[in-house]
Amino acid sequence: MKPIYLKLFLLIAIYLLLAGGSYAQTGDKPYTTVEYSGVLDIYSKLSKNVNETSGVILFDDCLWTFNDSGGEPEIYKIDKNAGKVIKTVRIKNVENHDWEDITQDDDCIYVGDFGNNKGNRKDLAIYKVLKKDIEAGNMVEVEADIISFSYNDQESFAVKWHSNNFDCESVMSFGDSLIIFSKNWADYKTRMYKLPKTSGIFKINAVATFDADGLVTGADYNSSTGNLVLVGYKDYIPFVFLFKGFDGNDFNAEEVYRINLPDMKDSQTEGVVWFDNENVIITCEDTRTFKQSAFMLNFDEVIKKETTN
């Protein structure tokens, strides 16, 4: 290559690199990064009884959540207006080793006991509760079917506190499957795995990997729109990913957005659920900066506002 063409080539390459500064890659497709200014509107304040809320669903016109590791093996129904616990469902045949997320379909609720900060757990499970077993009353006891699993790609179970790639805090329902997303402390990526919704013991393989550039802590899928939402944080600054046109096989959606929430630093966002086709509810634990709360995010408003500024 002649020197003049080499110089031109290098200039073009540098320009493209700089111009692409607001994008990252998902396979061969970029995602658009949105920096959101301000704190999201509060949908509901939450009772101090769920100060370590770690996942959320909307069921029976109420929020349902739980506390993570060390909490009781219980799911709590929350009055969204007062933020108070109005029903407790105790799963009597399991323990709360490290519950981290919750999801549902028409017939069942699923609770993920798969938190793995040390990377050495061999008792990962998802607990399946039939909705018809949740009877009337303020306190109900039920039994769960147990979906046990291990990662086929995990070879070492040495303790690596907050430095392993086999933690998990996200589960969602997708058709006749459950999909979980790993929380990778070491490389800030997330791997997607699929599980059947039936009890048993399963060894699962990663379906796809996504460079989230952060810790993924919650997920939900909207079957009406085909959109996936992931929530998490990096250096305790929350982020939310929106995948438009998610097919359950990889992360190469039609459009992908990452929304950073720098003004909500230290809120420790843990759970997310679709409220309707445009809005999601995001929950956070009690921290020194934020009390346990549920926030509302409208994707259309945020993306339109921030990308036109």
C-alpha atoms as a PDB file:
ATOM      1  CA  MET A   1       0.000   0.000   0.000  1.00  0.00           C
ATOM      2  CA  LYS A   2       1.354   3.421  -0.956  1.00  0.00           C
ATOM      3  CA  PRO A   3       2.113   5.789   1.983  1.00  0.00           C
ATOM      4  CA  ILE A   4      -0.627   8.269   0.991  1.00  0.00           C
ATOM      5  CA  TYR A   5      -3.277   5.516   0.934  1.00  0.00           C
ATOM      6  CA  LEU A   6      -1.991   4.050   4.194  1.00  0.00           C
ATOM      7  CA  LYS A   7      -2.286   7.464   5.841  1.00  0.00           C
ATOM      8  CA  LEU A   8      -5.816   7.906   4.498  1.00  0.00           C
ATOM      9  CA  PHE A   9      -6.796   4.430   5.683  1.00  0.00           C
ATOM     10  CA  LEU A  10      -5.508   5.150   9.192  1.00  0.00           C
ATOM     11  CA  LEU A  11      -7.374   8.467   9.358  1.00  0.00           C
ATOM     12  CA  ILE A  12     -10.633   6.792   8.331  1.00  0.00           C
ATOM     13  CA  ALA A  13     -10.110   4.010  10.871  1.00  0.00           C
ATOM     14  CA  ILE A  14      -9.481   6.528  13.666  1.00  0.00           C
ATOM     15  CA  TYR A  15     -12.571   8.530  12.667  1.00  0.00           C
ATOM     16  CA  LEU A  16     -14.789   5.451  12.704  1.00  0.00           C
ATOM     17  CA  LEU A  17     -13.406   4.395  16.074  1.00  0.00           C
ATOM     18  CA  LEU A  18     -14.109   7.807  17.600  1.00  0.00           C
ATOM     19  CA  ALA A  19     -17.516   8.102  15.973  1.00  0.00           C
ATOM     20  CA  GLY A  20     -18.525   4.760  17.436  1.00  0.00           C
ATOM     21  CA  GLY A  21     -17.734   5.778  21.005  1.00  0.00           C
ATOM     22  CA  SER A  22     -21.358   5.542  22.142  1.00  0.00           C
ATOM     23  CA  TYR A  23     -21.794   2.002  20.881  1.00  0.00           C
ATOM     24  CA  ALA A  24     -20.756  -1.458  21.980  1.00  0.00           C
ATOM     25  CA  GLN A  25     -21.101  -4.696  20.081  1.00  0.00           C
ATOM     26  CA  THR A  26     -23.631  -7.515  20.485  1.00  0.00           C
ATOM     27  CA  GLY A  27     -22.275 -10.063  18.056  1.00  0.00           C
ATOM     28  CA  ASP A  28     -22.220  -8.127  14.793  1.00  0.00           C
ATOM     29  CA  LYS A  29     -24.805  -5.513  15.885  1.00  0.00           C
ATOM     30  CA  PRO A  30     -24.325  -2.373  18.001  1.00  0.00           C
ATOM     31  CA  TYR A  31     -26.392  -1.143  20.904  1.00  0.00           C
ATOM     32  CA  THR A  32     -27.271   2.476  21.498  1.00  0.00           C
ATOM     33  CA  THR A  33     -26.282   3.920  24.864  1.00  0.00           C
ATOM     34  CA  VAL A  34     -28.578   6.460  26.534  1.00  0.00           C
ATOM     35  CA  GLU A  35     -27.429   8.523  29.528  1.00  0.00           C
ATOM     36  CA  TYR A  36     -30.540   9.337  31.566  1.00  0.00           C
ATOM     37  CA  SER A  37     -30.495  12.389  33.832  1.00  0.00           C
ATOM     38  CA  GLY A  38     -32.454  12.274  37.060  1.00  0.00           C
ATOM     39  CA  VAL A  39     -34.037   9.719  39.385  1.00  0.00           C
ATOM     40  CA  LEU A  40     -36.880   7.549  38.089  1.00  0.00           C
ATOM     41  CA  ASP A  41     -40.378   8.124  39.451  1.00  0.00           C
ATOM     42  CA  ILE A  42     -41.318   5.926  42.405  1.00  0.00           C
ATOM     43  CA  TYR A  43     -44.082   3.450  41.617  1.00  0.00           C
ATOM     44  CA  SER A  44     -44.306   2.180  45.177  1.00  0.00           C
ATOM     45  CA  LYS A  45     -42.356   2.452  48.400  1.00  0.00           C
ATOM     46  CA  LEU A  46     -41.750  -0.977  49.905  1.00  0.00           C
ATOM     47  CA  SER A  47     -42.148  -2.277  53.427  1.00  0.00           C
ATOM     48  CA  LYS A  48     -39.036  -2.604  55.594  1.00  0.00           C
ATOM     49  CA  ASN A  49     -39.967  -6.288  55.752  1.00  0.00           C
ATOM     50  CA  VAL A  50     -38.622  -6.590  52.189  1.00  0.00           C
ATOM     51  CA  ASN A  51     -35.557  -4.372  52.607  1.00  0.00           C
ATOM     52  CA  GLU A  52     -33.495  -6.904  50.635  1.00  0.00           C
ATOM     53  CA  THR A  53     -35.960  -7.314  47.786  1.00  0.00           C
ATOM     54  CA  SER A  54     -34.181  -9.101  44.983  1.00  0.00           C
ATOM     55  CA  GLY A  55     -36.809  -9.805  42.317  1.00  0.00           C
ATOM     56  CA  VAL A  56     -40.356  -8.835  41.434  1.00  0.00           C
ATOM     57  CA  ILE A  57     -43.451  -9.952  39.524  1.00  0.00           C
ATOM     58  CA  LEU A  58     -46.902  -8.436  39.012  1.00  0.00           C
ATOM     59  CA  PHE A  59     -49.651 -10.909  39.907  1.00  0.00           C
ATOM     60  CA  ASP A  60     -53.222 -10.452  41.103  1.00  0.00           C
ATOM     61  CA  ASP A  61     -52.803  -6.678  40.568  1.00  0.00           C
ATOM     62  CA  CYS A  62     -50.027  -6.524  43.177  1.00  0.00           C
ATOM     63  CA  LEU A  63     -46.261  -6.669  43.425  1.00  0.00           C
ATOM     64  CA  TRP A  64     -44.790  -9.936  44.717  1.00  0.00           C
ATOM     65  CA  THR A  65     -41.233 -10.096  46.021  1.00  0.00           C
ATOM     66  CA  PHE A  66     -38.959 -11.740  48.634  1.00  0.00           C
ATOM     67  CA  ASN A  67     -35.699 -11.197  50.498  1.00  0.00           C
ATOM     68  CA  ASP A  68     -32.455 -12.694  49.239  1.00  0.00           C
ATOM     69  CA  SER A  69     -29.851 -14.820  51.054  1.00  0.00           C
ATOM     70  CA  GLY A  70     -30.568 -15.356  54.714  1.00  0.00           C
ATOM     71  CA  GLY A  71     -34.217 -14.418  54.363  1.00  0.00           C
ATOM     72  CA  GLU A  72     -37.161 -16.657  55.117  1.00  0.00           C
ATOM     73  CA  PRO A  73     -38.325 -19.052  52.353  1.00  0.00           C
ATOM     74  CA  GLU A  74     -41.281 -16.753  51.723  1.00  0.00           C
ATOM     75  CA  ILE A  75     -42.847 -14.714  48.932  1.00  0.00           C
ATOM     76  CA  TYR A  76     -44.626 -11.492  49.879  1.00  0.00           C
ATOM     77  CA  LYS A  77     -47.631  -9.887  48.232  1.00  0.00           C
ATOM     78  CA  ILE A  78     -47.337  -6.105  48.407  1.00  0.00           C
ATOM     79  CA  ASP A  79     -50.085  -3.502  48.386  1.00  0.00           C
ATOM     80  CA  LYS A  80     -48.660  -1.207  45.689  1.00  0.00           C
ATOM     81  CA  ASN A  81     -50.329   1.890  47.166  1.00  0.00           C
ATOM     82  CA  ALA A  82     -49.218   1.496  50.764  1.00  0.00           C
ATOM     83  CA  GLY A  83     -46.158  -0.666  50.115  1.00  0.00           C
ATOM     84  CA  LYS A  84     -47.201  -3.032  52.897  1.00  0.00           C
ATOM     85  CA  VAL A  85     -47.066  -6.827  52.963  1.00  0.00           C
ATOM     86  CA  ILE A  86     -50.638  -8.098  52.735  1.00  0.00           C
ATOM     87  CA  LYS A  87     -49.944 -11.802  52.166  1.00  0.00           C
ATOM     88  CA  THR A  88     -47.103 -14.203  52.932  1.00  0.00           C
ATOM     89  CA  VAL A  89     -46.589 -17.442  51.010  1.00  0.00           C
ATOM     90  CA  ARG A  90     -44.162 -19.786  52.748  1.00  0.00           C
ATOM     91  CA  ILE A  91     -42.568 -22.575  50.705  1.00  0.00           C
ATOM     92  CA  LYS A  92     -42.283 -25.196  53.400  1.00  0.00           C
ATOM     93  CA  ASN A  93     -40.143 -27.834  51.672  1.00  0.00           C
ATOM     94  CA  VAL A  94     -37.157 -25.610  50.753  1.00  0.00           C
ATOM     95  CA  GLU A  95     -34.753 -23.103  52.277  1.00  0.00           C
ATOM     96  CA  ASN A  96     -33.645 -19.657  51.176  1.00  0.00           C
ATOM     97  CA  HIS A  97     -29.990 -20.334  50.460  1.00  0.00           C
ATOM     98  CA  ASP A  98     -29.718 -17.341  48.146  1.00  0.00           C
ATOM     99  CA  TRP A  99     -32.973 -16.491  46.407  1.00  0.00           C
ATOM    100  CA  GLU A 100     -32.286 -13.954  43.665  1.00  0.00           C
ATOM    101  CA  ASP A 101     -35.156 -13.676  41.167  1.00  0.00           C
ATOM    102  CA  ILE A 102     -38.763 -14.583  40.483  1.00  0.00           C
ATOM    103  CA  THR A 103     -40.869 -15.062  37.351  1.00  0.00           C
ATOM    104  CA  GLN A 104     -44.252 -16.484  36.370  1.00  0.00           C
ATOM    105  CA  ASP A 105     -46.444 -17.903  33.657  1.00  0.00           C
ATOM    106  CA  ASP A 106     -50.201 -18.418  33.579  1.00  0.00           C
ATOM    107  CA  ASP A 107     -50.154 -21.310  36.043  1.00  0.00           C
ATOM    108  CA  CYS A 108     -46.988 -21.085  38.127  1.00  0.00           C
ATOM    109  CA  ILE A 109     -44.539 -18.875  40.011  1.00  0.00           C
ATOM    110  CA  TYR A 110     -40.829 -19.715  39.814  1.00  0.00           C
ATOM    111  CA  VAL A 111     -38.219 -18.614  42.383  1.00  0.00           C
ATOM    112  CA  GLY A 112     -34.527 -18.807  41.570  1.00  0.00           C
ATOM    113  CA  ASP A 113     -32.313 -20.049  44.417  1.00  0.00           C
ATOM    114  CA  PHE A 114     -29.119 -19.681  42.422  1.00  0.00           C
ATOM    115  CA  GLY A 115     -27.158 -16.797  43.942  1.00  0.00           C
ATOM    116  CA  ASN A 116     -23.527 -17.884  43.892  1.00  0.00           C
ATOM    117  CA  ASN A 117     -21.222 -15.088  45.035  1.00  0.00           C
ATOM    118  CA  LYS A 118     -18.439 -17.530  45.898  1.00  0.00           C
ATOM    119  CA  GLY A 119     -18.810 -19.591  42.715  1.00  0.00           C
ATOM    120  CA  ASN A 120     -18.781 -22.886  44.630  1.00  0.00           C
ATOM    121  CA  ARG A 121     -22.453 -23.855  44.968  1.00  0.00           C
ATOM    122  CA  LYS A 122     -23.587 -27.291  43.840  1.00  0.00           C
ATOM    123  CA  ASP A 123     -27.206 -26.971  44.952  1.00  0.00           C
ATOM    124  CA  LEU A 124     -28.573 -24.481  42.392  1.00  0.00           C
ATOM    125  CA  ALA A 125     -32.336 -24.681  41.973  1.00  0.00           C
ATOM    126  CA  ILE A 126     -35.527 -23.038  40.812  1.00  0.00           C
ATOM    127  CA  TYR A 127     -38.664 -23.610  42.896  1.00  0.00           C
ATOM    128  CA  LYS A 128     -41.982 -23.999  41.069  1.00  0.00           C
ATOM    129  CA  VAL A 129     -45.189 -23.098  42.909  1.00  0.00           C
ATOM    130  CA  LEU A 130     -48.667 -23.629  41.479  1.00  0.00           C
ATOM    131  CA  LYS A 131     -50.791 -20.488  41.627  1.00  0.00           C
ATOM    132  CA  LYS A 132     -53.868 -22.562  42.429  1.00  0.00           C
ATOM    133  CA  ASP A 133     -52.159 -23.653  45.657  1.00  0.00           C
ATOM    134  CA  ILE A 134     -51.951 -20.063  46.888  1.00  0.00           C
ATOM    135  CA  GLU A 135     -55.195 -19.954  48.798  1.00  0.00           C
ATOM    136  CA  ALA A 136     -57.018 -17.082  50.441  1.00  0.00           C
ATOM    137  CA  GLY A 137     -55.690 -15.696  53.712  1.00  0.00           C
ATOM    138  CA  ASN A 138     -52.810 -13.597  54.971  1.00  0.00           C
ATOM    139  CA  MET A 139     -50.500 -16.576  55.573  1.00  0.00           C
ATOM    140  CA  VAL A 140     -50.307 -19.594  53.260  1.00  0.00           C
ATOM    141  CA  GLU A 141     -47.982 -22.607  53.182  1.00  0.00           C
ATOM    142  CA  VAL A 142     -47.256 -24.426  49.923  1.00  0.00           C
ATOM    143  CA  GLU A 143     -44.842 -27.020  48.572  1.00  0.00           C
ATOM    144  CA  ALA A 144     -42.731 -26.452  45.492  1.00  0.00           C
ATOM    145  CA  ASP A 145     -41.495 -28.701  42.731  1.00  0.00           C
ATOM    146  CA  ILE A 146     -37.721 -28.429  42.482  1.00  0.00           C
ATOM    147  CA  ILE A 147     -35.822 -27.840  39.242  1.00  0.00           C
ATOM    148  CA  SER A 148     -32.173 -28.548  40.095  1.00  0.00           C
ATOM    149  CA  PHE A 149     -29.368 -27.686  37.716  1.00  0.00           C
ATOM    150  CA  SER A 150     -25.640 -27.224  37.220  1.00  0.00           C
ATOM    151  CA  TYR A 151     -23.597 -25.469  34.561  1.00  0.00           C
ATOM    152  CA  ASN A 152     -22.042 -27.865  32.053  1.00  0.00           C
ATOM    153  CA  ASP A 153     -19.248 -25.355  31.390  1.00  0.00           C
ATOM    154  CA  GLN A 154     -18.202 -24.961  35.045  1.00  0.00           C
ATOM    155  CA  GLU A 155     -15.086 -27.002  35.760  1.00  0.00           C
ATOM    156  CA  SER A 156     -13.790 -25.416  38.979  1.00  0.00           C
ATOM    157  CA  PHE A 157     -15.722 -24.962  42.205  1.00  0.00           C
ATOM    158  CA  ALA A 158     -12.948 -23.184  44.082  1.00  0.00           C
ATOM    159  CA  VAL A 159     -14.139 -20.251  46.158  1.00  0.00           C
ATOM    160  CA  LYS A 160     -13.798 -17.007  44.195  1.00  0.00           C
ATOM    161  CA  TRP A 161     -15.720 -14.400  46.153  1.00  0.00           C
ATOM    162  CA  HIS A 162     -17.107 -11.794  43.740  1.00  0.00           C
ATOM    163  CA  SER A 163     -14.573 -12.884  41.131  1.00  0.00           C
ATOM    164  CA  ASN A 164     -16.253 -15.838  39.408  1.00  0.00           C
ATOM    165  CA  ASN A 165     -18.465 -16.095  36.307  1.00  0.00           C
ATOM    166  CA  PHE A 166     -21.049 -18.550  37.707  1.00  0.00           C
ATOM    167  CA  ASP A 167     -23.187 -16.301  39.861  1.00  0.00           C
ATOM    168  CA  CYS A 168     -26.796 -15.820  38.715  1.00  0.00           C
ATOM    169  CA  GLU A 169     -29.564 -13.391  39.702  1.00  0.00           C
ATOM    170  CA  SER A 170     -31.994 -13.514  36.764  1.00  0.00           C
ATOM    171  CA  VAL A 171     -34.716 -15.856  35.559  1.00  0.00           C
ATOM    172  CA  MET A 172     -37.632 -15.303  33.192  1.00  0.00           C
ATOM    173  CA  SER A 173     -40.375 -17.323  31.571  1.00  0.00           C
ATOM    174  CA  PHE A 174     -40.115 -17.785  27.796  1.00  0.00           C
ATOM    175  CA  GLY A 175     -42.734 -20.056  26.274  1.00  0.00           C
ATOM    176  CA  ASP A 176     -42.308 -23.556  27.670  1.00  0.00           C
ATOM    177  CA  SER A 177     -38.811 -22.748  28.978  1.00  0.00           C
ATOM    178  CA  LEU A 178     -37.122 -20.805  31.732  1.00  0.00           C
ATOM    179  CA  ILE A 179     -34.172 -18.641  30.718  1.00  0.00           C
ATOM    180  CA  ILE A 180     -31.508 -17.580  33.192  1.00  0.00           C
ATOM    181  CA  PHE A 181     -28.738 -15.016  32.761  1.00  0.00           C
ATOM    182  CA  SER A 182     -25.430 -15.301  34.591  1.00  0.00           C
ATOM    183  CA  LYS A 183     -23.945 -12.506  36.690  1.00  0.00           C
ATOM    184  CA  ASN A 184     -20.277 -12.510  35.709  1.00  0.00           C
ATOM    185  CA  TRP A 185     -18.124 -10.839  38.338  1.00  0.00           C
ATOM    186  CA  ALA A 186     -14.876 -11.564  36.501  1.00  0.00           C
ATOM    187  CA  ASP A 187     -15.554 -10.363  32.946  1.00  0.00           C
ATOM    188  CA  TYR A 188     -18.856  -8.382  33.209  1.00  0.00           C
ATOM    189  CA  LYS A 189     -20.497 -10.529  30.516  1.00  0.00           C
ATOM    190  CA  THR A 190     -23.680 -12.552  30.854  1.00  0.00           C
ATOM    191  CA  ARG A 191     -24.438 -16.026  29.531  1.00  0.00           C
ATOM    192  CA  MET A 192     -27.919 -17.224  28.641  1.00  0.00           C
ATOM    193  CA  TYR A 193     -29.094 -20.732  29.579  1.00  0.00           C
ATOM    194  CA  LYS A 194     -32.407 -22.523  29.057  1.00  0.00           C
ATOM    195  CA  LEU A 195     -34.199 -24.896  31.394  1.00  0.00           C
ATOM    196  CA  PRO A 196     -37.427 -26.885  31.111  1.00  0.00           C
ATOM    197  CA  LYS A 197     -40.259 -26.008  33.462  1.00  0.00           C
ATOM    198  CA  THR A 198     -40.419 -29.524  34.857  1.00  0.00           C
ATOM    199  CA  SER A 199     -38.855 -30.848  38.061  1.00  0.00           C
ATOM    200  CA  GLY A 200     -35.636 -32.814  37.672  1.00  0.00           C
ATOM    201  CA  ILE A 201     -31.862 -32.515  37.662  1.00  0.00           C
ATOM    202  CA  PHE A 202     -30.340 -30.838  34.624  1.00  0.00           C
ATOM    203  CA  LYS A 203     -26.890 -30.002  33.302  1.00  0.00           C
ATOM    204  CA  ILE A 204     -27.270 -26.929  31.124  1.00  0.00           C
ATOM    205  CA  ASN A 205     -25.183 -25.412  28.338  1.00  0.00           C
ATOM    206  CA  ALA A 206     -24.837 -21.724  27.528  1.00  0.00           C
ATOM    207  CA  VAL A 207     -26.966 -20.697  24.556  1.00  0.00           C
ATOM    208  CA  ALA A 208     -25.354 -17.297  23.956  1.00  0.00           C
ATOM    209  CA  THR A 209     -23.069 -14.719  25.565  1.00  0.00           C
ATOM    210  CA  PHE A 210     -23.495 -10.952  25.735  1.00  0.00           C
ATOM    211  CA  ASP A 211     -20.947  -8.329  26.775  1.00  0.00           C
ATOM    212  CA  ALA A 212     -23.129  -6.441  29.265  1.00  0.00           C
ATOM    213  CA  ASP A 213     -20.208  -4.420  30.656  1.00  0.00           C
ATOM    214  CA  GLY A 214     -21.710  -4.828  34.108  1.00  0.00           C
ATOM    215  CA  LEU A 215     -23.477  -7.157  36.526  1.00  0.00           C
ATOM    216  CA  VAL A 216     -26.862  -8.417  35.339  1.00  0.00           C
ATOM    217  CA  THR A 217     -29.284  -8.793  38.256  1.00  0.00           C
ATOM    218  CA  GLY A 218     -32.776  -9.128  36.769  1.00  0.00           C
ATOM    219  CA  ALA A 219     -34.666 -10.023  33.584  1.00  0.00           C
ATOM    220  CA  ASP A 220     -38.178 -10.141  32.161  1.00  0.00           C
ATOM    221  CA  TYR A 221     -39.740 -10.934  28.784  1.00  0.00           C
ATOM    222  CA  ASN A 222     -42.852  -9.351  27.277  1.00  0.00           C
ATOM    223  CA  SER A 223     -44.516 -11.975  25.101  1.00  0.00           C
ATOM    224  CA  SER A 224     -46.892  -9.366  23.622  1.00  0.00           C
ATOM    225  CA  THR A 225     -44.097  -7.262  22.128  1.00  0.00           C
ATOM    226  CA  GLY A 226     -41.247  -9.779  21.972  1.00  0.00           C
ATOM    227  CA  ASN A 227     -39.064  -7.437  24.047  1.00  0.00           C
ATOM    228  CA  LEU A 228     -36.504  -8.462  26.654  1.00  0.00           C
ATOM    229  CA  VAL A 229     -35.375  -6.240  29.516  1.00  0.00           C
ATOM    230  CA  LEU A 230     -32.275  -6.776  31.649  1.00  0.00           C
ATOM    231  CA  VAL A 231     -31.352  -4.702  34.688  1.00  0.00           C
ATOM    232  CA  GLY A 232     -28.091  -4.475  36.597  1.00  0.00           C
ATOM    233  CA  TYR A 233     -25.335  -2.168  37.688  1.00  0.00           C
ATOM    234  CA  LYS A 234     -21.663  -1.362  37.214  1.00  0.00           C
ATOM    235  CA  ASP A 235     -19.755   0.341  40.010  1.00  0.00           C
ATOM    236  CA  TYR A 236     -23.228   0.605  41.601  1.00  0.00           C
ATOM    237  CA  ILE A 237     -24.503   2.781  38.748  1.00  0.00           C
ATOM    238  CA  PRO A 238     -27.689   1.097  37.445  1.00  0.00           C
ATOM    239  CA  PHE A 239     -28.265   0.229  33.810  1.00  0.00           C
ATOM    240  CA  VAL A 240     -31.194  -1.213  31.867  1.00  0.00           C
ATOM    241  CA  PHE A 241     -30.966  -3.071  28.544  1.00  0.00           C
ATOM    242  CA  LEU A 242     -33.887  -3.201  26.124  1.00  0.00           C
ATOM    243  CA  PHE A 243     -33.766  -5.865  23.381  1.00  0.00           C
ATOM    244  CA  LYS A 244     -36.483  -5.298  20.788  1.00  0.00           C
ATOM    245  CA  GLY A 245     -37.381  -8.465  18.905  1.00  0.00           C
ATOM    246  CA  PHE A 246     -35.749 -11.020  21.221  1.00  0.00           C
ATOM    247  CA  ASP A 247     -36.089 -14.577  19.873  1.00  0.00           C
ATOM    248  CA  GLY A 248     -34.753 -16.547  22.842  1.00  0.00           C
ATOM    249  CA  ASN A 249     -31.807 -17.944  20.885  1.00  0.00           C
ATOM    250  CA  ASP A 250     -29.233 -15.136  20.988  1.00  0.00           C
ATOM    251  CA  PHE A 251     -28.832 -11.457  21.811  1.00  0.00           C
ATOM    252  CA  ASN A 252     -28.934 -10.163  18.224  1.00  0.00           C
ATOM    253  CA  ALA A 253     -32.255  -8.355  18.509  1.00  0.00           C
ATOM    254  CA  GLU A 254     -33.696  -5.868  16.016  1.00  0.00           C
ATOM    255  CA  GLU A 255     -32.752  -2.927  18.244  1.00  0.00           C
ATOM    256  CA  VAL A 256     -30.773  -2.862  21.484  1.00  0.00           C
ATOM    257  CA  TYR A 257     -30.573   0.041  23.935  1.00  0.00           C
ATOM    258  CA  ARG A 258     -28.570   0.471  27.112  1.00  0.00           C
ATOM    259  CA  ILE A 259     -29.918   3.112  29.496  1.00  0.00           C
ATOM    260  CA  ASN A 260     -27.514   4.253  32.202  1.00  0.00           C
ATOM    261  CA  LEU A 261     -28.913   5.816  35.381  1.00  0.00           C
ATOM    262  CA  PRO A 262     -25.963   7.683  36.945  1.00  0.00           C
ATOM    263  CA  ASP A 263     -28.155   9.806  39.240  1.00  0.00           C
ATOM    264  CA  MET A 264     -29.360   6.592  40.886  1.00  0.00           C
ATOM    265  CA  LYS A 265     -25.908   5.432  41.923  1.00  0.00           C
ATOM    266  CA  ASP A 266     -25.934   3.128  44.968  1.00  0.00           C
ATOM    267  CA  SER A 267     -29.600   2.190  44.524  1.00  0.00           C
ATOM    268  CA  GLN A 268     -28.607  -1.470  43.904  1.00  0.00           C
ATOM    269  CA  THR A 269     -31.219  -2.337  41.310  1.00  0.00           C
ATOM    270  CA  GLU A 270     -32.138  -6.018  41.644  1.00  0.00           C
ATOM    271  CA  GLY A 271     -35.485  -6.850  40.016  1.00  0.00           C
ATOM    272  CA  VAL A 272     -37.452  -5.866  36.919  1.00  0.00           C
ATOM    273  CA  VAL A 273     -40.889  -6.674  35.521  1.00  0.00           C
ATOM    274  CA  TRP A 274     -42.913  -5.407  32.574  1.00  0.00           C
ATOM    275  CA  PHE A 275     -45.814  -3.227  33.749  1.00  0.00           C
ATOM    276  CA  ASP A 276     -47.260  -2.836  30.254  1.00  0.00           C
ATOM    277  CA  ASN A 277     -45.837  -2.683  26.735  1.00  0.00           C
ATOM    278  CA  GLU A 278     -43.892   0.542  27.346  1.00  0.00           C
ATOM    279  CA  ASN A 279     -43.124   0.596  31.075  1.00  0.00           C
ATOM    280  CA  VAL A 280     -41.097  -1.573  33.427  1.00  0.00           C
ATOM    281  CA  ILE A 281     -40.965  -1.573  37.220  1.00  0.00           C
ATOM    282  CA  ILE A 282     -37.482  -1.771  38.729  1.00  0.00           C
ATOM    283  CA  THR A 283     -36.911  -2.630  42.392  1.00  0.00           C
ATOM    284  CA  CYS A 284     -33.946  -1.765  44.565  1.00  0.00           C
ATOM    285  CA  GLU A 285     -32.738  -2.909  47.962  1.00  0.00           C
ATOM    286  CA  ASP A 286     -32.323  -0.690  51.011  1.00  0.00           C
ATOM    287  CA  THR A 287     -28.968   1.127  50.846  1.00  0.00           C
ATOM    288  CA  ARG A 288     -27.405   4.144  52.539  1.00  0.00           C
ATOM    289  CA  THR A 289     -28.602   6.302  49.631  1.00  0.00           C
ATOM    290  CA  PHE A 290     -31.978   4.795  48.647  1.00  0.00           C
ATOM    291  CA  LYS A 291     -34.699   3.056  50.624  1.00  0.00           C
ATOM    292  CA  GLN A 292     -36.210  -0.170  49.277  1.00  0.00           C
ATOM    293  CA  SER A 293     -38.504   0.987  46.482  1.00  0.00           C
ATOM    294  CA  ALA A 294     -40.089   0.171  43.144  1.00  0.00           C
ATOM    295  CA  PHE A 295     -39.422   2.656  40.312  1.00  0.00           C
ATOM    296  CA  MET A 296     -41.128   3.110  36.951  1.00  0.00           C
ATOM    297  CA  LEU A 297     -39.239   3.523  33.670  1.00  0.00           C
ATOM    298  CA  ASN A 298     -40.972   4.397  30.387  1.00  0.00           C
ATOM    299  CA  PHE A 299     -38.756   3.281  27.509  1.00  0.00           C
ATOM    300  CA  ASP A 300     -40.420   5.355  24.811  1.00  0.00           C
ATOM    301  CA  GLU A 301     -40.146   8.585  26.806  1.00  0.00           C
ATOM    302  CA  VAL A 302     -36.576   8.010  27.936  1.00  0.00           C
ATOM    303  CA  ILE A 303     -35.197   6.914  24.579  1.00  0.00           C
ATOM    304  CA  LYS A 304     -37.002   9.641  22.627  1.00  0.00           C
ATOM    305  CA  LYS A 305     -36.009  12.383  25.085  1.00  0.00           C
ATOM    306  CA  GLU A 306     -32.395  11.453  25.576  1.00  0.00           C
ATOM    307  CA  THR A 307     -31.566  10.560  21.961  1.00  0.00           C
ATOM    308  CA  THR A 308     -33.020  13.845  20.600  1.00  0.00           C
ATOM    309  CA  ASN A 309     -31.136  16.117  23.014  1.00  0.00           C
END
